[in-house]
Amino acid sequence: MDKNKSHAGLALLAYKIGPNQFELNRSLTYISMRDQVLRARTLIHTAIDAGLFEKQAENSSSFADGDVDYDVVVLGAGVGGISAALASAEAGMRTLVLDAQGQCFSLLRKGTDRLLSTTVYDWPAIHFSSHCFPDIPDLKPNPATHAAILRFPSAPKAASALADELQAQLDKYKLKYSSVFQIENGIKLTSHQSVLYGGARVLTVILPREINVLGGSKSSIIRARIVIFAIGFGSEKVLASSSDIGKTFWGYASLEKELDALRPERATAVVQGAGDGGLQECLRIAFKPEYHDLAKAISLLEREVSDVSPEWYQLMLKILCAEDNAARAYMWGYDIPTVYKGLDEVHDSVIVRLLEPETKGAVLEWYRQVVREREIHIFVVDKHAHSGRVYALNRFLVKLLLTLTKRNLVTRVSVELTGGAPTGPADIGPIDRSGIDQDDGPQGTASKEDLLRHAVFGAIPNQYGVVR
């Protein structure tokens, strides 16, 4: 084997969960949509380089294999699964996507008005508002390449609207690659015996019903060269089984109605959990709807502060370095409270600097523009003294609101972090966004429990669970 193929073979171990079976999320606690696109394409290209597929002829650029019904079978028609399938079809391989739901991108379609952006949480990196990878051609807004890849919009969109946009792109790709690309919705494989390794690098996939195999024949048993699991983690974290979708992580449409219905005097809200979900809920309650796009909120703060002080960019660089160091320390198993206590101190030092006389007025002007025009006190309930593994933008904005409250600099929206739930009823909540315990360590699809779940080809709703 040549040097390149040897390297590719080693890279495949990052995805491999069985003979010719690969998992897009393997070894990851979570994976963003943008990263799903790149990881999916990387898997397909690496599999080709490793020689898992045969070319039709010595001088052919197509890798379609006549010994199997499909070269690639993908389980899951979300962003990751479709991205892998498109990369496969683009290479000329016969590709089948199976999904239990009636439509592709079904998880996105459960969304209401939660805004999704591919890069806003890369803040304070300078490309946070660009909604693309700035230095990767496939994901640039106007790429020179015409690769078969899902492209994200140039502005954040609600989850369901994003699903519609991606579906429109997919429909065009289905026509372009109709001779090698097929999607079957409404098929759920329910047994760990549904995918069997038959030797000779061939997998047998047993379907619950017959499908139209490319070429016209029908069968409930198909042969594939590789199978890719792209079923993710199941439904997003929910508040409780009885919660309506307007109160889940996916949507907050009911929030505006609840606020409108409240008495005009000071209202209280309780958010349980200071992970990303809890911090995002806090910011949704605190900010006017037009600033639920957090890129707008932080960009306004940048404009206000940088107009009176050139130090803003140095302070953001300080946060960027601290966040990067914390991520590396977390990855290598350093004591988590120590890591994030140090990170909190960096954020706090930046906020203290912003509230010095030179820039305090600019920060308060920003506050007046972004927060709601009513008095709301938000309790964020969490047992941890440190902020944990959350996005830098969520951490910074909530910490800024906490500091403004502690210093009695604000009179409208205020935020308080507490270790125990406040007594008495809340006007909003308690919204349970506890999620998993942030000190439990990484929990990804490489664990035995998750692999067992994947063995029956169905992600468990609310897989993260709720800490009570």
Protein backbone atom coordinates (compact mmCIF):
# COMPACT_ATOMS: atom_id res chain seq x y z
CA MET A 1 0.00 0.00 0.00
CA ASP A 2 1.38 3.41 -0.90
CA LYS A 3 2.02 6.09 1.65
CA ASN A 4 -1.18 8.08 0.95
CA LYS A 5 -3.44 5.06 1.27
CA SER A 6 -1.76 4.02 4.47
CA HIS A 7 -2.42 7.46 5.91
CA ALA A 8 -6.04 7.34 4.71
CA GLY A 9 -6.52 3.94 6.31
CA LEU A 10 -5.38 5.28 9.66
CA ALA A 11 -7.70 8.28 9.31
CA LEU A 12 -10.67 5.96 8.83
CA LEU A 13 -10.21 4.66 12.37
CA ALA A 14 -11.66 7.97 13.57
CA TYR A 15 -14.99 6.89 12.06
CA LYS A 16 -14.92 3.09 12.15
CA ILE A 17 -17.32 1.17 14.43
CA GLY A 18 -17.28 -2.20 12.64
CA PRO A 19 -16.26 -3.94 9.40
CA ASN A 20 -16.92 -1.40 6.65
CA GLN A 21 -19.22 0.50 9.02
CA PHE A 22 -18.55 4.11 9.96
CA GLU A 23 -20.12 6.63 12.34
CA LEU A 24 -19.98 10.34 11.59
CA ASN A 25 -20.25 11.35 15.24
CA ARG A 26 -17.84 8.78 16.60
CA SER A 27 -15.73 10.02 19.52
CA LEU A 28 -17.48 13.40 19.57
CA THR A 29 -19.67 14.86 22.30
CA TYR A 30 -21.48 16.98 19.74
CA ILE A 31 -20.97 18.02 16.13
CA SER A 32 -22.22 21.23 14.55
CA MET A 33 -23.95 21.30 11.17
CA ARG A 34 -20.99 22.99 9.58
CA ASP A 35 -18.64 20.36 10.95
CA GLN A 36 -21.01 17.59 9.84
CA VAL A 37 -20.59 18.75 6.24
CA LEU A 38 -16.80 18.67 6.42
CA ARG A 39 -16.62 15.46 8.44
CA ALA A 40 -18.97 13.68 6.04
CA ARG A 41 -17.02 14.72 2.96
CA THR A 42 -13.75 13.83 4.67
CA LEU A 43 -15.05 10.32 5.43
CA ILE A 44 -16.01 9.65 1.81
CA HIS A 45 -12.80 11.06 0.35
CA THR A 46 -10.71 9.14 2.88
CA ALA A 47 -12.56 5.90 2.11
CA ILE A 48 -11.83 6.38 -1.58
CA ASP A 49 -8.17 7.11 -0.92
CA ALA A 50 -7.94 4.00 1.26
CA GLY A 51 -9.10 1.83 -1.62
CA LEU A 52 -12.46 0.72 -0.24
CA PHE A 53 -14.06 1.11 -3.67
CA GLU A 54 -13.18 -0.26 -7.09
CA LYS A 55 -13.04 1.86 -10.22
CA GLN A 56 -15.20 0.74 -13.11
CA ALA A 57 -12.18 0.61 -15.39
CA GLU A 58 -8.49 1.32 -15.15
CA ASN A 59 -8.84 4.75 -16.77
CA SER A 60 -12.22 5.60 -15.25
CA SER A 61 -12.84 8.35 -12.71
CA SER A 62 -15.99 6.59 -11.46
CA PHE A 63 -15.83 4.31 -8.43
CA ALA A 64 -19.18 2.51 -8.91
CA ASP A 65 -18.79 -1.15 -7.95
CA GLY A 66 -20.70 -3.75 -9.97
CA ASP A 67 -20.45 -6.41 -7.24
CA VAL A 68 -22.91 -4.64 -4.92
CA ASP A 69 -26.31 -2.97 -5.21
CA TYR A 70 -24.96 0.22 -3.67
CA ASP A 71 -21.46 1.40 -2.97
CA VAL A 72 -22.58 3.50 0.00
CA VAL A 73 -25.64 3.19 2.23
CA VAL A 74 -26.22 6.10 4.61
CA LEU A 75 -28.51 5.71 7.61
CA GLY A 76 -29.94 9.14 8.40
CA ALA A 77 -31.04 11.99 6.13
CA GLY A 78 -29.96 14.93 8.23
CA VAL A 79 -27.24 17.40 7.33
CA GLY A 80 -24.43 14.91 8.01
CA GLY A 81 -26.00 11.96 6.23
CA ILE A 82 -26.99 13.96 3.15
CA SER A 83 -23.52 15.51 3.00
CA ALA A 84 -21.87 12.09 2.99
CA ALA A 85 -24.31 10.87 0.34
CA LEU A 86 -23.69 13.88 -1.91
CA ALA A 87 -19.92 13.40 -1.70
CA SER A 88 -20.39 9.76 -2.60
CA ALA A 89 -22.70 10.49 -5.55
CA GLU A 90 -20.36 13.20 -6.76
CA ALA A 91 -17.58 10.58 -6.95
CA GLY A 92 -19.81 8.40 -9.15
CA MET A 93 -20.69 5.83 -6.50
CA ARG A 94 -24.17 4.39 -6.25
CA THR A 95 -25.59 5.82 -3.05
CA LEU A 96 -28.68 5.05 -0.98
CA VAL A 97 -29.93 7.15 1.94
CA LEU A 98 -32.37 5.59 4.40
CA ASP A 99 -34.32 7.59 6.95
CA ALA A 100 -37.09 6.65 9.37
CA GLN A 101 -38.91 9.95 8.93
CA GLY A 102 -41.11 11.03 6.05
CA GLN A 103 -38.83 13.92 5.06
CA CYS A 104 -35.14 14.73 5.03
CA PHE A 105 -33.78 17.11 7.68
CA SER A 106 -36.59 16.01 10.02
CA LEU A 107 -34.90 17.27 13.17
CA LEU A 108 -34.51 20.75 11.71
CA ARG A 109 -38.16 20.71 10.70
CA LYS A 110 -39.19 20.38 14.31
CA GLY A 111 -37.86 23.86 14.88
CA THR A 112 -39.91 26.99 15.18
CA ASP A 113 -38.09 30.30 15.34
CA ARG A 114 -34.76 29.40 16.89
CA LEU A 115 -32.13 31.16 14.76
CA LEU A 116 -29.31 29.00 13.46
CA SER A 117 -25.96 30.30 12.29
CA THR A 118 -22.94 28.26 11.29
CA THR A 119 -20.31 30.58 12.76
CA VAL A 120 -21.81 32.96 15.34
CA TYR A 121 -20.45 30.82 18.18
CA ASP A 122 -16.94 31.03 16.75
CA TRP A 123 -16.84 34.50 18.33
CA PRO A 124 -14.52 36.24 19.06
CA ALA A 125 -12.82 34.94 15.91
CA ILE A 126 -13.27 37.62 13.26
CA HIS A 127 -15.36 35.44 10.93
CA PHE A 128 -18.13 34.91 13.54
CA SER A 129 -20.72 36.79 11.44
CA SER A 130 -19.74 35.37 8.04
CA HIS A 131 -21.80 32.13 8.29
CA CYS A 132 -19.11 30.12 6.48
CA PHE A 133 -15.65 28.70 6.90
CA PRO A 134 -13.57 31.65 5.66
CA ASP A 135 -10.61 29.64 4.37
CA ILE A 136 -12.20 26.44 3.04
CA PRO A 137 -13.25 26.77 -0.62
CA ASP A 138 -16.22 24.38 -0.39
CA LEU A 139 -17.90 26.50 2.28
CA LYS A 140 -17.17 29.98 1.01
CA PRO A 141 -20.27 31.98 0.00
CA ASN A 142 -19.16 32.08 -3.65
CA PRO A 143 -16.82 29.11 -4.03
CA ALA A 144 -14.88 28.58 -7.22
CA THR A 145 -15.67 24.89 -6.97
CA HIS A 146 -19.08 23.46 -7.81
CA ALA A 147 -18.79 20.62 -5.35
CA ALA A 148 -21.94 18.74 -4.35
CA ILE A 149 -22.21 20.26 -0.92
CA LEU A 150 -24.96 21.76 1.22
CA ARG A 151 -24.36 25.48 1.46
CA PHE A 152 -25.59 27.55 4.36
CA PRO A 153 -27.31 30.92 3.94
CA SER A 154 -25.43 34.19 4.39
CA ALA A 155 -27.58 35.12 7.40
CA PRO A 156 -29.01 33.12 10.32
CA LYS A 157 -32.35 31.46 9.72
CA ALA A 158 -34.96 29.72 11.80
CA ALA A 159 -34.48 25.96 11.93
CA SER A 160 -37.49 25.07 9.81
CA ALA A 161 -36.63 27.74 7.22
CA LEU A 162 -33.08 26.41 7.02
CA ALA A 163 -34.47 22.91 6.44
CA ASP A 164 -36.53 24.21 3.51
CA GLU A 165 -33.48 25.92 2.00
CA LEU A 166 -31.35 22.80 2.32
CA GLN A 167 -34.17 20.69 0.85
CA ALA A 168 -34.32 22.95 -2.21
CA GLN A 169 -30.59 22.41 -2.75
CA LEU A 170 -31.01 18.67 -2.25
CA ASP A 171 -33.81 18.49 -4.84
CA LYS A 172 -31.45 19.92 -7.45
CA TYR A 173 -28.72 17.46 -6.52
CA LYS A 174 -31.19 14.57 -6.76
CA LEU A 175 -31.88 15.50 -10.37
CA LYS A 176 -28.21 16.00 -11.19
CA TYR A 177 -27.16 12.64 -9.74
CA SER A 178 -30.36 10.69 -10.41
CA SER A 179 -28.48 7.78 -11.96
CA VAL A 180 -26.51 7.04 -8.79
CA PHE A 181 -28.34 8.77 -5.93
CA GLN A 182 -31.46 7.51 -4.16
CA ILE A 183 -33.29 8.47 -0.95
CA GLU A 184 -35.86 6.26 0.76
CA ASN A 185 -37.85 7.86 3.56
CA GLY A 186 -40.01 6.02 6.06
CA ILE A 187 -37.59 3.09 6.52
CA LYS A 188 -36.47 2.35 10.06
CA LEU A 189 -34.08 -0.51 10.69
CA THR A 190 -34.92 -1.93 14.09
CA SER A 191 -32.59 -4.89 14.61
CA HIS A 192 -28.87 -5.11 15.19
CA GLN A 193 -28.98 -7.93 12.63
CA SER A 194 -30.17 -5.53 9.92
CA VAL A 195 -26.59 -4.85 8.85
CA LEU A 196 -24.40 -7.94 8.50
CA TYR A 197 -20.85 -8.27 7.30
CA GLY A 198 -20.72 -10.98 4.68
CA GLY A 199 -16.98 -11.03 4.11
CA ALA A 200 -15.17 -9.96 0.97
CA ARG A 201 -15.76 -6.35 2.03
CA VAL A 202 -19.52 -6.63 1.45
CA LEU A 203 -22.30 -5.68 3.88
CA THR A 204 -25.84 -7.02 3.69
CA VAL A 205 -28.56 -4.54 4.69
CA ILE A 206 -31.96 -6.08 5.47
CA LEU A 207 -34.81 -3.60 4.98
CA PRO A 208 -38.28 -3.80 6.54
CA ARG A 209 -39.87 -3.48 3.11
CA GLU A 210 -38.96 -3.62 -0.56
CA ILE A 211 -37.56 -0.57 -2.33
CA ASN A 212 -36.77 0.35 -5.91
CA VAL A 213 -33.10 -0.42 -6.26
CA LEU A 214 -31.27 1.59 -8.90
CA GLY A 215 -31.76 -0.28 -12.14
CA GLY A 216 -35.38 -1.20 -11.57
CA SER A 217 -35.22 -4.42 -9.54
CA LYS A 218 -36.93 -4.67 -6.16
CA SER A 219 -35.50 -6.21 -3.03
CA SER A 220 -35.67 -5.98 0.76
CA ILE A 221 -32.09 -7.25 0.97
CA ILE A 222 -29.37 -5.10 -0.54
CA ARG A 223 -25.62 -5.45 -0.70
CA ALA A 224 -23.37 -2.47 -0.01
CA ARG A 225 -19.67 -1.77 0.17
CA ILE A 226 -19.89 0.48 3.23
CA VAL A 227 -22.61 1.68 5.62
CA ILE A 228 -22.43 5.10 7.27
CA PHE A 229 -24.35 5.82 10.47
CA ALA A 230 -25.52 9.44 10.53
CA ILE A 231 -28.36 9.32 13.04
CA GLY A 232 -26.76 11.71 15.50
CA PHE A 233 -28.02 12.04 19.03
CA GLY A 234 -31.75 12.03 18.41
CA SER A 235 -34.05 14.83 19.46
CA GLU A 236 -32.53 17.92 20.99
CA LYS A 237 -32.66 18.38 24.73
CA VAL A 238 -36.18 19.09 25.92
CA LEU A 239 -37.50 20.60 29.11
CA ALA A 240 -39.74 17.69 30.02
CA SER A 241 -41.80 15.11 28.15
CA SER A 242 -44.94 17.22 28.51
CA SER A 243 -43.39 20.46 27.23
CA ASP A 244 -44.77 21.97 24.06
CA ILE A 245 -42.32 22.75 21.30
CA GLY A 246 -42.55 26.48 21.90
CA LYS A 247 -40.61 26.04 25.14
CA THR A 248 -37.89 23.70 23.89
CA PHE A 249 -34.38 24.43 22.73
CA TRP A 250 -35.69 24.43 19.18
CA GLY A 251 -38.14 27.24 19.58
CA TYR A 252 -39.26 30.09 21.76
CA ALA A 253 -42.33 31.34 19.90
CA SER A 254 -44.41 31.10 23.05
CA LEU A 255 -42.00 33.35 24.97
CA GLU A 256 -43.24 36.56 23.37
CA LYS A 257 -46.84 35.63 24.09
CA GLU A 258 -46.01 34.87 27.71
CA LEU A 259 -44.23 38.20 28.13
CA ASP A 260 -47.12 40.11 26.57
CA ALA A 261 -49.54 38.42 28.96
CA LEU A 262 -47.58 39.30 32.09
CA ARG A 263 -48.50 42.11 34.42
CA PRO A 264 -46.70 45.36 33.59
CA GLU A 265 -44.72 45.50 36.83
CA ARG A 266 -41.48 43.62 37.45
CA ALA A 267 -41.59 40.00 36.28
CA THR A 268 -39.36 37.07 37.23
CA ALA A 269 -38.03 34.23 35.12
CA VAL A 270 -36.22 31.08 36.25
CA VAL A 271 -33.88 29.10 34.00
CA GLN A 272 -32.47 25.89 35.44
CA GLY A 273 -29.03 25.08 34.07
CA ALA A 274 -26.10 27.27 33.01
CA GLY A 275 -24.98 25.26 30.02
CA ASP A 276 -25.44 26.60 26.51
CA GLY A 277 -29.16 25.86 26.55
CA GLY A 278 -29.71 27.70 29.81
CA LEU A 279 -27.57 30.68 28.81
CA GLN A 280 -29.36 30.95 25.47
CA GLU A 281 -32.73 30.89 27.22
CA CYS A 282 -31.49 33.66 29.53
CA LEU A 283 -30.44 35.81 26.57
CA ARG A 284 -33.72 35.22 24.74
CA ILE A 285 -35.64 36.42 27.74
CA ALA A 286 -33.30 39.38 28.28
CA PHE A 287 -32.89 40.65 24.70
CA LYS A 288 -35.35 42.21 22.32
CA PRO A 289 -36.35 39.78 19.52
CA GLU A 290 -34.28 41.66 16.94
CA TYR A 291 -31.18 40.83 18.98
CA HIS A 292 -31.88 37.11 19.31
CA ASP A 293 -29.40 36.97 16.45
CA LEU A 294 -26.48 37.24 18.84
CA ALA A 295 -24.14 38.32 16.06
CA LYS A 296 -26.13 41.57 15.94
CA ALA A 297 -25.97 41.98 19.69
CA ILE A 298 -22.20 41.54 19.99
CA SER A 299 -21.49 43.54 16.81
CA LEU A 300 -23.39 46.47 18.28
CA LEU A 301 -21.32 46.25 21.47
CA GLU A 302 -18.15 46.21 19.37
CA ARG A 303 -19.21 49.35 17.52
CA GLU A 304 -20.18 51.18 20.69
CA VAL A 305 -16.96 50.34 22.56
CA SER A 306 -14.47 50.59 19.69
CA ASP A 307 -15.75 54.11 18.92
CA VAL A 308 -14.41 55.30 22.27
CA SER A 309 -11.52 52.89 22.86
CA PRO A 310 -9.15 51.00 20.53
CA GLU A 311 -8.62 48.40 23.26
CA TRP A 312 -11.66 46.33 22.30
CA TYR A 313 -9.74 44.16 19.84
CA GLN A 314 -6.95 43.41 22.29
CA LEU A 315 -9.53 42.39 24.88
CA MET A 316 -11.21 40.07 22.38
CA LEU A 317 -7.86 38.52 21.53
CA LYS A 318 -7.37 37.85 25.23
CA ILE A 319 -10.71 35.98 25.35
CA LEU A 320 -9.94 34.09 22.15
CA CYS A 321 -6.63 32.81 23.52
CA ALA A 322 -8.18 31.87 26.86
CA GLU A 323 -11.04 29.96 25.21
CA ASP A 324 -8.62 28.10 22.96
CA ASN A 325 -6.40 27.14 25.88
CA ALA A 326 -9.41 25.96 27.90
CA ALA A 327 -10.65 23.80 25.04
CA ARG A 328 -7.24 22.15 24.74
CA ALA A 329 -6.96 21.61 28.49
CA TYR A 330 -10.45 20.07 28.56
CA MET A 331 -9.57 17.76 25.68
CA TRP A 332 -6.48 16.48 27.47
CA GLY A 333 -8.28 15.76 30.71
CA TYR A 334 -7.25 18.60 32.98
CA ASP A 335 -9.32 19.20 36.10
CA ILE A 336 -12.50 20.76 34.72
CA PRO A 337 -13.35 23.17 37.58
CA THR A 338 -9.79 24.49 37.48
CA VAL A 339 -9.86 24.96 33.70
CA TYR A 340 -13.12 26.87 33.65
CA LYS A 341 -12.48 28.82 36.82
CA GLY A 342 -9.43 30.26 35.06
CA LEU A 343 -11.47 30.97 31.94
CA ASP A 344 -14.13 32.74 34.01
CA GLU A 345 -11.45 34.95 35.48
CA VAL A 346 -10.32 36.04 32.01
CA HIS A 347 -13.88 36.92 30.96
CA ASP A 348 -14.43 38.75 34.24
CA SER A 349 -11.23 40.75 33.81
CA VAL A 350 -12.29 41.85 30.32
CA ILE A 351 -15.74 42.89 31.55
CA VAL A 352 -14.22 44.84 34.47
CA ARG A 353 -12.03 46.67 31.96
CA LEU A 354 -15.06 47.48 29.79
CA LEU A 355 -16.82 49.01 32.79
CA GLU A 356 -14.05 51.47 33.54
CA PRO A 357 -15.01 55.14 33.04
CA GLU A 358 -13.64 55.38 29.50
CA THR A 359 -15.96 52.70 28.10
CA LYS A 360 -18.71 52.24 30.71
CA GLY A 361 -21.01 54.71 28.99
CA ALA A 362 -20.70 52.82 25.70
CA VAL A 363 -21.57 49.53 27.41
CA LEU A 364 -24.61 51.05 29.10
CA GLU A 365 -25.77 52.54 25.79
CA TRP A 366 -25.49 49.07 24.26
CA TYR A 367 -27.52 47.67 27.13
CA ARG A 368 -30.26 50.24 26.63
CA GLN A 369 -30.54 49.28 22.97
CA VAL A 370 -30.56 45.48 23.22
CA VAL A 371 -32.56 44.57 26.35
CA ARG A 372 -36.32 44.52 26.59
CA GLU A 373 -38.36 47.58 27.50
CA ARG A 374 -39.67 46.16 30.75
CA GLU A 375 -38.43 45.05 34.15
CA ILE A 376 -37.49 41.36 34.25
CA HIS A 377 -35.29 39.64 36.80
CA ILE A 378 -33.85 36.37 35.47
CA PHE A 379 -32.61 33.73 37.89
CA VAL A 380 -30.12 31.30 36.32
CA VAL A 381 -29.98 28.27 38.60
CA ASP A 382 -26.87 26.09 38.51
CA LYS A 383 -24.92 24.18 41.14
CA HIS A 384 -21.54 24.90 39.56
CA ALA A 385 -19.43 27.86 40.53
CA HIS A 386 -17.66 27.84 37.17
CA SER A 387 -19.29 28.38 33.79
CA GLY A 388 -18.35 25.07 32.19
CA ARG A 389 -17.99 24.06 28.59
CA VAL A 390 -20.17 26.59 26.79
CA TYR A 391 -19.79 28.83 23.76
CA ALA A 392 -17.67 31.92 24.40
CA LEU A 393 -20.39 34.26 23.14
CA ASN A 394 -23.03 32.88 25.51
CA ARG A 395 -20.56 32.97 28.40
CA PHE A 396 -19.50 36.55 27.73
CA LEU A 397 -22.96 38.08 27.20
CA VAL A 398 -24.51 36.45 30.28
CA LYS A 399 -21.48 37.36 32.40
CA LEU A 400 -21.79 40.94 31.23
CA LEU A 401 -25.46 41.03 32.28
CA LEU A 402 -24.56 39.42 35.62
CA THR A 403 -21.87 42.03 36.29
CA LEU A 404 -24.11 44.94 35.34
CA THR A 405 -26.70 43.58 37.77
CA LYS A 406 -24.22 43.07 40.62
CA ARG A 407 -22.97 46.63 40.25
CA ASN A 408 -26.52 48.02 40.25
CA LEU A 409 -25.89 49.69 36.90
CA VAL A 410 -29.15 48.51 35.32
CA THR A 411 -32.80 48.91 36.23
CA ARG A 412 -34.66 47.04 33.47
CA VAL A 413 -33.47 43.51 32.76
CA SER A 414 -31.28 42.00 35.47
CA VAL A 415 -29.68 38.57 35.82
CA GLU A 416 -28.67 36.62 38.90
CA LEU A 417 -26.78 33.33 39.13
CA THR A 418 -27.87 31.19 42.07
CA GLY A 419 -27.07 27.69 43.31
CA GLY A 420 -30.64 26.96 44.33
CA ALA A 421 -34.03 27.72 42.85
CA PRO A 422 -35.62 30.89 44.27
CA THR A 423 -38.70 30.50 46.42
CA GLY A 424 -42.11 31.50 45.16
CA PRO A 425 -43.73 31.21 41.73
CA ALA A 426 -42.03 32.54 38.60
CA ASP A 427 -43.80 34.46 35.86
CA ILE A 428 -41.74 32.54 33.28
CA GLY A 429 -40.49 29.05 34.01
CA PRO A 430 -38.85 27.37 35.64
CA ILE A 431 -37.40 26.45 32.27
CA ASP A 432 -35.42 23.27 32.80
CA ARG A 433 -32.28 23.37 30.66
CA SER A 434 -30.15 21.30 33.00
CA GLY A 435 -29.02 18.85 30.34
CA ILE A 436 -26.15 16.55 31.30
CA ASP A 437 -23.87 17.21 34.24
CA GLN A 438 -21.00 19.23 32.83
CA ASP A 439 -18.48 17.44 35.08
CA ASP A 440 -19.44 13.95 33.91
CA GLY A 441 -16.84 14.02 31.16
CA PRO A 442 -17.26 13.54 27.41
CA GLN A 443 -20.33 11.62 26.34
CA GLY A 444 -20.27 10.76 22.67
CA THR A 445 -21.21 7.96 20.32
CA ALA A 446 -17.95 6.14 21.06
CA SER A 447 -19.36 4.92 24.38
CA LYS A 448 -20.69 1.36 24.66
CA GLU A 449 -24.17 2.62 25.49
CA ASP A 450 -24.32 4.83 22.44
CA LEU A 451 -22.95 2.13 20.16
CA LEU A 452 -25.62 -0.22 21.46
CA ARG A 453 -28.21 2.38 20.61
CA HIS A 454 -26.77 2.75 17.15
CA ALA A 455 -26.86 -1.01 16.74
CA VAL A 456 -30.64 -0.79 16.56
CA PHE A 457 -30.50 2.21 14.23
CA GLY A 458 -32.58 4.64 16.18
CA ALA A 459 -31.52 7.60 18.27
CA ILE A 460 -33.28 7.90 21.61
CA PRO A 461 -35.23 11.16 22.06
CA ASN A 462 -33.82 13.39 24.77
CA GLN A 463 -30.70 11.20 24.82
CA TYR A 464 -28.90 13.67 27.03
CA GLY A 465 -31.50 13.22 29.73
CA VAL A 466 -32.34 15.77 32.39
CA VAL A 467 -30.45 15.98 35.65
CA ARG A 468 -32.93 16.14 38.50
